[in-house]
Every structure is written in structure tokens, then in C-alpha cells.
Protein backbone atom coordinates (compact mmCIF):
# COMPACT_ATOMS: atom_id res chain seq x y z
CA MET A 1 -67.22 -40.84 -32.23
CA ASP A 2 -63.72 -40.48 -33.69
CA PHE A 3 -63.90 -44.03 -35.06
CA LEU A 4 -67.29 -43.28 -36.63
CA LYS A 5 -65.80 -40.18 -38.22
CA ALA A 6 -62.85 -42.27 -39.46
CA LEU A 7 -65.32 -44.74 -41.02
CA ILE A 8 -67.19 -41.94 -42.78
CA LEU A 9 -64.00 -40.27 -44.00
CA GLY A 10 -62.56 -43.58 -45.17
CA ALA A 11 -65.67 -44.20 -47.26
CA VAL A 12 -65.41 -40.68 -48.67
CA GLU A 13 -61.76 -41.31 -49.58
CA GLY A 14 -62.60 -44.52 -51.43
CA LEU A 15 -65.56 -42.99 -53.26
CA THR A 16 -63.67 -39.89 -54.41
CA GLU A 17 -60.02 -40.95 -54.86
CA PHE A 18 -60.34 -41.95 -58.50
CA LEU A 19 -62.99 -39.39 -59.45
CA PRO A 20 -61.95 -35.90 -60.65
CA VAL A 21 -63.38 -34.26 -57.52
CA SER A 22 -60.36 -34.27 -55.11
CA SER A 23 -60.48 -36.89 -52.38
CA THR A 24 -58.10 -34.91 -50.15
CA GLY A 25 -60.24 -31.81 -50.60
CA HIS A 26 -63.35 -33.72 -49.56
CA LEU A 27 -61.57 -35.25 -46.57
CA LEU A 28 -60.28 -31.90 -45.35
CA LEU A 29 -63.62 -30.15 -45.86
CA ILE A 30 -65.79 -32.86 -44.30
CA GLY A 31 -63.25 -33.44 -41.55
CA HIS A 32 -63.32 -29.71 -40.75
CA PHE A 33 -67.09 -29.68 -40.28
CA LEU A 34 -67.04 -32.99 -38.36
CA GLY A 35 -64.39 -31.60 -36.03
CA PHE A 36 -61.97 -34.35 -37.03
CA GLU A 37 -58.30 -33.53 -36.50
CA SER A 38 -55.76 -36.25 -37.25
CA THR A 39 -52.28 -36.32 -35.74
CA GLY A 40 -49.97 -34.50 -38.12
CA LYS A 41 -52.77 -34.61 -40.73
CA THR A 42 -51.61 -38.16 -41.47
CA PHE A 43 -55.02 -39.83 -41.70
CA GLU A 44 -55.87 -37.97 -44.90
CA VAL A 45 -52.76 -39.42 -46.60
CA LEU A 46 -52.33 -42.84 -44.99
CA VAL A 47 -55.96 -43.89 -45.50
CA GLN A 48 -55.22 -43.86 -49.25
CA LEU A 49 -53.67 -47.30 -48.82
CA GLY A 50 -57.16 -48.79 -48.94
CA ALA A 51 -57.82 -47.19 -52.32
CA ILE A 52 -54.41 -48.35 -53.57
CA LEU A 53 -55.19 -51.96 -52.71
CA ALA A 54 -58.60 -51.68 -54.35
CA ILE A 55 -57.11 -50.65 -57.68
CA LEU A 56 -54.47 -53.37 -57.38
CA VAL A 57 -57.27 -55.92 -57.01
CA VAL A 58 -59.25 -54.58 -59.98
CA PHE A 59 -56.18 -54.31 -62.23
CA SER A 60 -54.50 -57.50 -60.94
CA HIS A 61 -54.85 -59.40 -64.21
CA LYS A 62 -53.33 -56.54 -66.22
CA LEU A 63 -50.56 -56.07 -63.66
CA PHE A 64 -49.73 -59.76 -63.83
CA ALA A 65 -49.64 -59.69 -67.64
CA ILE A 66 -47.29 -56.69 -67.65
CA ALA A 67 -45.02 -58.20 -64.99
CA LYS A 68 -44.93 -61.48 -66.90
CA GLY A 69 -43.98 -59.68 -70.11
CA LEU A 70 -41.21 -57.51 -68.70
CA PRO A 71 -38.34 -59.92 -69.50
CA THR A 72 -39.36 -60.42 -73.13
CA ASP A 73 -41.87 -57.74 -74.20
CA PRO A 74 -40.43 -54.28 -75.05
CA ASN A 75 -43.93 -52.79 -74.95
CA ALA A 76 -44.37 -53.88 -71.33
CA ARG A 77 -41.01 -52.37 -70.39
CA ARG A 78 -41.83 -49.15 -72.23
CA PHE A 79 -45.17 -48.83 -70.42
CA VAL A 80 -43.56 -49.30 -67.00
CA LEU A 81 -41.00 -46.66 -67.95
CA CYS A 82 -43.82 -44.31 -68.99
CA VAL A 83 -45.60 -44.67 -65.64
CA LEU A 84 -42.36 -44.07 -63.74
CA VAL A 85 -41.55 -41.00 -65.86
CA ALA A 86 -45.02 -39.61 -65.15
CA PHE A 87 -44.63 -40.33 -61.43
CA LEU A 88 -41.21 -38.67 -61.05
CA PRO A 89 -42.24 -34.95 -61.00
CA ALA A 90 -44.77 -35.47 -58.21
CA ALA A 91 -42.28 -37.56 -56.23
CA ILE A 92 -39.66 -34.81 -56.34
CA ILE A 93 -41.97 -31.85 -55.70
CA GLY A 94 -43.96 -33.74 -53.09
CA ALA A 95 -40.84 -34.55 -51.09
CA LEU A 96 -39.47 -31.01 -51.32
CA ALA A 97 -42.76 -29.26 -50.51
CA HIS A 98 -44.17 -31.79 -48.01
CA SER A 99 -44.08 -29.49 -44.98
CA PHE A 100 -45.46 -26.49 -46.90
CA ILE A 101 -48.32 -28.55 -48.32
CA LYS A 102 -49.34 -29.88 -44.90
CA SER A 103 -48.96 -26.60 -42.96
CA VAL A 104 -50.24 -24.08 -45.50
CA LEU A 105 -52.25 -25.71 -48.29
CA PHE A 106 -54.29 -28.11 -46.13
CA ASN A 107 -56.79 -25.29 -45.64
CA PRO A 108 -60.58 -25.55 -46.16
CA TRP A 109 -60.78 -22.12 -47.82
CA ILE A 110 -58.18 -23.16 -50.38
CA VAL A 111 -60.03 -26.44 -50.88
CA CYS A 112 -63.32 -24.70 -51.68
CA THR A 113 -61.61 -22.29 -54.08
CA MET A 114 -59.96 -25.15 -55.96
CA LEU A 115 -63.13 -27.24 -56.02
CA VAL A 116 -65.14 -24.47 -57.68
CA SER A 117 -62.41 -23.34 -60.09
CA GLY A 118 -61.55 -26.93 -60.99
CA GLY A 119 -65.21 -27.63 -61.68
CA LEU A 120 -65.35 -24.73 -64.12
CA VAL A 121 -62.23 -26.07 -65.86
CA LEU A 122 -63.78 -29.54 -66.15
CA LEU A 123 -66.96 -28.06 -67.66
CA ALA A 124 -64.88 -26.26 -70.27
CA VAL A 125 -62.75 -29.32 -71.04
CA ASP A 126 -65.82 -31.53 -71.35
CA GLU A 127 -67.18 -29.31 -74.12
CA MET A 128 -63.93 -29.20 -76.07
CA ARG A 129 -63.36 -31.44 -79.05
CA PHE A 130 -59.89 -32.92 -79.08
CA LYS A 131 -58.04 -35.03 -81.63
CA ASN A 132 -58.24 -38.41 -79.92
CA THR A 133 -55.03 -39.85 -81.32
CA HIS A 134 -54.39 -42.11 -78.32
CA GLN A 135 -57.01 -44.69 -77.32
CA ASP A 136 -54.73 -47.15 -75.50
CA ALA A 137 -53.49 -46.05 -72.09
CA THR A 138 -50.65 -48.57 -72.20
CA ALA A 139 -49.29 -47.14 -75.46
CA PHE A 140 -48.90 -43.44 -74.64
CA PRO A 141 -45.58 -41.94 -75.85
CA VAL A 142 -42.96 -41.33 -73.15
CA LEU A 143 -42.93 -37.56 -73.70
CA MET A 144 -46.72 -37.45 -73.37
CA CYS A 145 -46.48 -39.31 -70.05
CA ALA A 146 -43.89 -36.81 -68.82
CA LYS A 147 -46.31 -33.98 -69.58
CA ILE A 148 -49.11 -35.79 -67.73
CA GLY A 149 -46.76 -36.15 -64.77
CA LEU A 150 -46.27 -32.38 -64.71
CA TRP A 151 -50.03 -31.88 -64.75
CA GLN A 152 -50.31 -34.21 -61.78
CA CYS A 153 -48.17 -31.82 -59.72
CA LEU A 154 -51.06 -29.34 -59.72
CA ALA A 155 -52.83 -31.73 -57.36
CA MET A 156 -50.34 -30.85 -54.62
CA VAL A 157 -52.92 -28.15 -53.89
CA PRO A 158 -55.85 -29.85 -52.08
CA GLY A 159 -59.06 -29.45 -54.03
CA VAL A 160 -57.42 -29.64 -57.46
CA SER A 161 -57.77 -33.45 -57.76
CA ARG A 162 -54.94 -35.75 -58.81
CA SER A 163 -57.17 -37.74 -61.16
CA GLY A 164 -58.74 -34.56 -62.56
CA ALA A 165 -55.36 -32.99 -63.30
CA THR A 166 -53.96 -36.12 -64.97
CA ILE A 167 -57.11 -36.78 -66.98
CA VAL A 168 -57.22 -33.20 -68.28
CA GLY A 169 -53.49 -33.33 -69.03
CA ALA A 170 -53.89 -36.58 -70.95
CA MET A 171 -56.85 -35.30 -72.95
CA LEU A 172 -55.01 -32.09 -73.86
CA SER A 173 -52.19 -34.36 -75.08
CA GLY A 174 -54.52 -36.29 -77.40
CA ALA A 175 -55.97 -39.12 -75.29
CA ASP A 176 -59.65 -39.98 -75.42
CA LYS A 177 -61.63 -39.81 -72.17
CA ARG A 178 -61.49 -43.51 -71.34
CA ALA A 179 -57.76 -43.86 -72.03
CA ALA A 180 -57.04 -40.69 -70.04
CA ALA A 181 -59.00 -42.02 -67.05
CA GLU A 182 -57.31 -45.44 -67.26
CA PHE A 183 -53.82 -43.93 -67.34
CA SER A 184 -54.79 -41.89 -64.28
CA PHE A 185 -55.52 -45.20 -62.53
CA TRP A 186 -52.12 -46.60 -63.48
CA LEU A 187 -50.34 -43.44 -62.36
CA ALA A 188 -52.24 -43.51 -59.06
CA MET A 189 -50.48 -46.70 -57.99
CA PRO A 190 -46.89 -45.39 -57.59
CA THR A 191 -48.05 -41.87 -56.69
CA MET A 192 -50.31 -42.89 -53.83
CA ALA A 193 -47.95 -45.61 -52.64
CA GLY A 194 -45.13 -43.06 -52.61
CA ALA A 195 -47.19 -40.50 -50.70
CA PHE A 196 -48.22 -43.15 -48.16
CA THR A 197 -44.66 -44.35 -47.61
CA TYR A 198 -43.15 -40.87 -47.34
CA ASP A 199 -45.84 -39.56 -44.97
CA LEU A 200 -45.58 -42.64 -42.76
CA PHE A 201 -41.78 -42.25 -42.64
CA LYS A 202 -42.12 -38.60 -41.64
CA ASN A 203 -44.77 -39.12 -38.98
CA TYR A 204 -44.63 -42.66 -37.59
CA LYS A 205 -42.94 -41.46 -34.39
CA ILE A 206 -45.88 -39.25 -33.41
CA LEU A 207 -48.65 -41.73 -34.19
CA THR A 208 -50.42 -43.43 -31.28
CA MET A 209 -52.26 -46.74 -31.15
CA ASP A 210 -55.57 -44.85 -31.42
CA ASP A 211 -54.28 -43.14 -34.55
CA ALA A 212 -53.33 -46.52 -36.02
CA LEU A 213 -56.77 -47.94 -35.24
CA MET A 214 -58.55 -44.99 -36.84
CA ILE A 215 -56.36 -45.27 -39.93
CA GLY A 216 -57.18 -49.00 -40.04
CA VAL A 217 -60.93 -48.28 -39.89
CA GLY A 218 -60.58 -45.69 -42.65
CA PHE A 219 -58.44 -48.07 -44.71
CA VAL A 220 -61.11 -50.79 -44.72
CA ALA A 221 -63.87 -48.31 -45.61
CA ALA A 222 -61.74 -46.80 -48.37
CA PHE A 223 -60.93 -50.22 -49.84
CA PHE A 224 -64.53 -51.34 -50.29
CA ALA A 225 -65.76 -47.91 -51.44
CA ALA A 226 -62.95 -47.66 -54.01
CA LEU A 227 -63.72 -51.15 -55.34
CA PHE A 228 -67.23 -49.93 -56.15
CA VAL A 229 -66.00 -46.79 -57.93
CA VAL A 230 -63.13 -48.25 -59.96
CA ARG A 231 -65.29 -50.93 -61.55
CA GLY A 232 -67.76 -48.45 -63.04
CA PHE A 233 -65.87 -45.20 -63.55
CA LEU A 234 -64.27 -45.89 -66.94
CA ALA A 235 -67.57 -46.89 -68.53
CA PHE A 236 -69.34 -43.86 -67.01
CA VAL A 237 -66.72 -41.41 -68.28
CA ALA A 238 -66.67 -42.91 -71.76
CA ALA A 239 -70.46 -42.61 -72.00
CA ARG A 240 -71.21 -39.36 -70.17
CA GLY A 241 -68.03 -37.32 -69.78
CA PHE A 242 -67.14 -35.13 -66.80
CA ALA A 243 -70.04 -32.67 -66.49
CA PHE A 244 -71.56 -34.50 -63.49
CA PHE A 245 -68.26 -34.33 -61.58
CA ALA A 246 -67.74 -30.69 -62.57
CA TRP A 247 -71.12 -29.66 -61.14
CA TRP A 248 -70.50 -31.79 -58.06
CA ARG A 249 -67.27 -29.89 -57.42
CA ILE A 250 -68.94 -26.51 -57.89
CA ILE A 251 -71.83 -27.39 -55.56
CA VAL A 252 -69.63 -28.89 -52.83
CA GLY A 253 -67.19 -25.97 -53.02
CA SER A 254 -70.00 -23.40 -52.89
CA VAL A 255 -71.73 -25.11 -49.95
CA GLY A 256 -68.33 -25.31 -48.25
CA PHE A 257 -67.83 -21.57 -48.67
CA VAL A 258 -71.22 -20.89 -47.07
CA GLY A 259 -70.48 -23.27 -44.20
CA LEU A 260 -67.06 -21.73 -43.57
CA TRP A 261 -68.52 -18.22 -43.64
CA LEU A 262 -71.29 -19.14 -41.20
CA THR A 263 -68.91 -20.82 -38.76
CA SER A 264 -66.02 -18.37 -38.97
């Protein structure tokens, strides 16, 4: 049954990682009601590797073009610098607050609160009319990327959503919806890889073979589910905005509150 739960949760991770609905929040909430408890709460972080590889596959041609241009193209070097600058705040705060996040914030009540409140924020943002001065995610100014990186730190609280925080931050800084979502994808690569590496380093000694197998099952499910989402998300957001995801958050958070109240 634990492996079936790992399969379900892996699929949930892949389907929600790049949507502004909080994959970690969904994993913690669904895992709570399934009775799934991972060793050191590592599954919820390490299973992200599947989603990381999915986005690497989808963006492989762009990654190759940027890597190829690094020696000669100043724009390629500037873009890599921008992504690293945006990644830095989360890397520092995540390392310093790792224990607090795992022991205190990985809480289903906090998740539901953030899901509902974040949904209301997304509804408000979706109705706002911004000056879309930046339509190319690879050409954002360095200072703008630093601000987006600070927004990403809000996602240290499960239920906020890393992609939701970075997309909102980018739009408030002048990016259109599609460019904001694409930059969130780029920023996900070092952020999720860093979280995976740090969490594995902190917890590898307590993981068992069964833990490794469950993480492997979740990884495969997350990879294929994320492939499906990444390919269609940018077009969906550009055409329809974020209202669907906002209402999804509000409904899931509200149902979660009811479930927690009934089982407490």
C-alpha cells in the first residue's frame, strides 16, 4: 500500500509542481489523509527530481542553445547570471531555515490556510492590468530577477506555491503572463535541484532501502506527469490566465479544512 501511495503522490507532484497551486502543499495534505508518513519528510522533497528531469527534457533545446552561446554570447551569460541571482535568496534562506520548515511549517492546517489565501491573491492578480514591458523571459533585467527571487522565498511556507510566488512577482515587475510562467520554469531548475541535493545530504543516513524504492516510484510518476503539464501550461496561462488555479486552490484548501476538522 505504501508503494501505491508513493505512486499517487508522485503523480500529484508532477501534475502540480509547475502550476501555481503548491505541489508540496498537495503532497502534505493528500499524504496526511492517506496516512503516508515519509522518513524525515524526505519523500516530499526528493520526489521533485522527477519533475526536474521532465523540465530538462522539455527545455533541452533551449538549454543546449544557451550552453553553446556562453563562451561568445553576452546575452546567454547575462541570462544565466539572472537565474542564479534569482535562485540565491531561496538557497540561503532554505539552508538556514531547513529544520524549522520541516518541523513546524510542514503542517496540514498551515497548508490549507495558504492554499485558500493564495487562491484569493491569484484571483486578484488575474484581474489586474499590468504594464507588460517584458515579454521575453530570457531578457529580464538582473534587478527584476533579484526581486523575483525574493518573491520565491515566500514558498518556503507549504501551500504558498513556488511557481505561484515567482509568477506573481514577475507580473508585478512588468512581465506578461507567459513570460512570467516561463521564467518560473527556468528558476525551478536550480531551486529544485538545490533543495533535492541539500535534503538528501541532510537525511541520506536515515533513509532505508524501502524509502529509496518509494522515492524511485514517486520519481517515475512525477516525471511523466510533469512532462504532460509542462508542455501545455504556458499556452493555457497565456490564453486563460490563473482563475482556474485560484479556484482550485480555494476549493482544495476549503475541503482540506473540513477534512481536518472532521478527523481532529
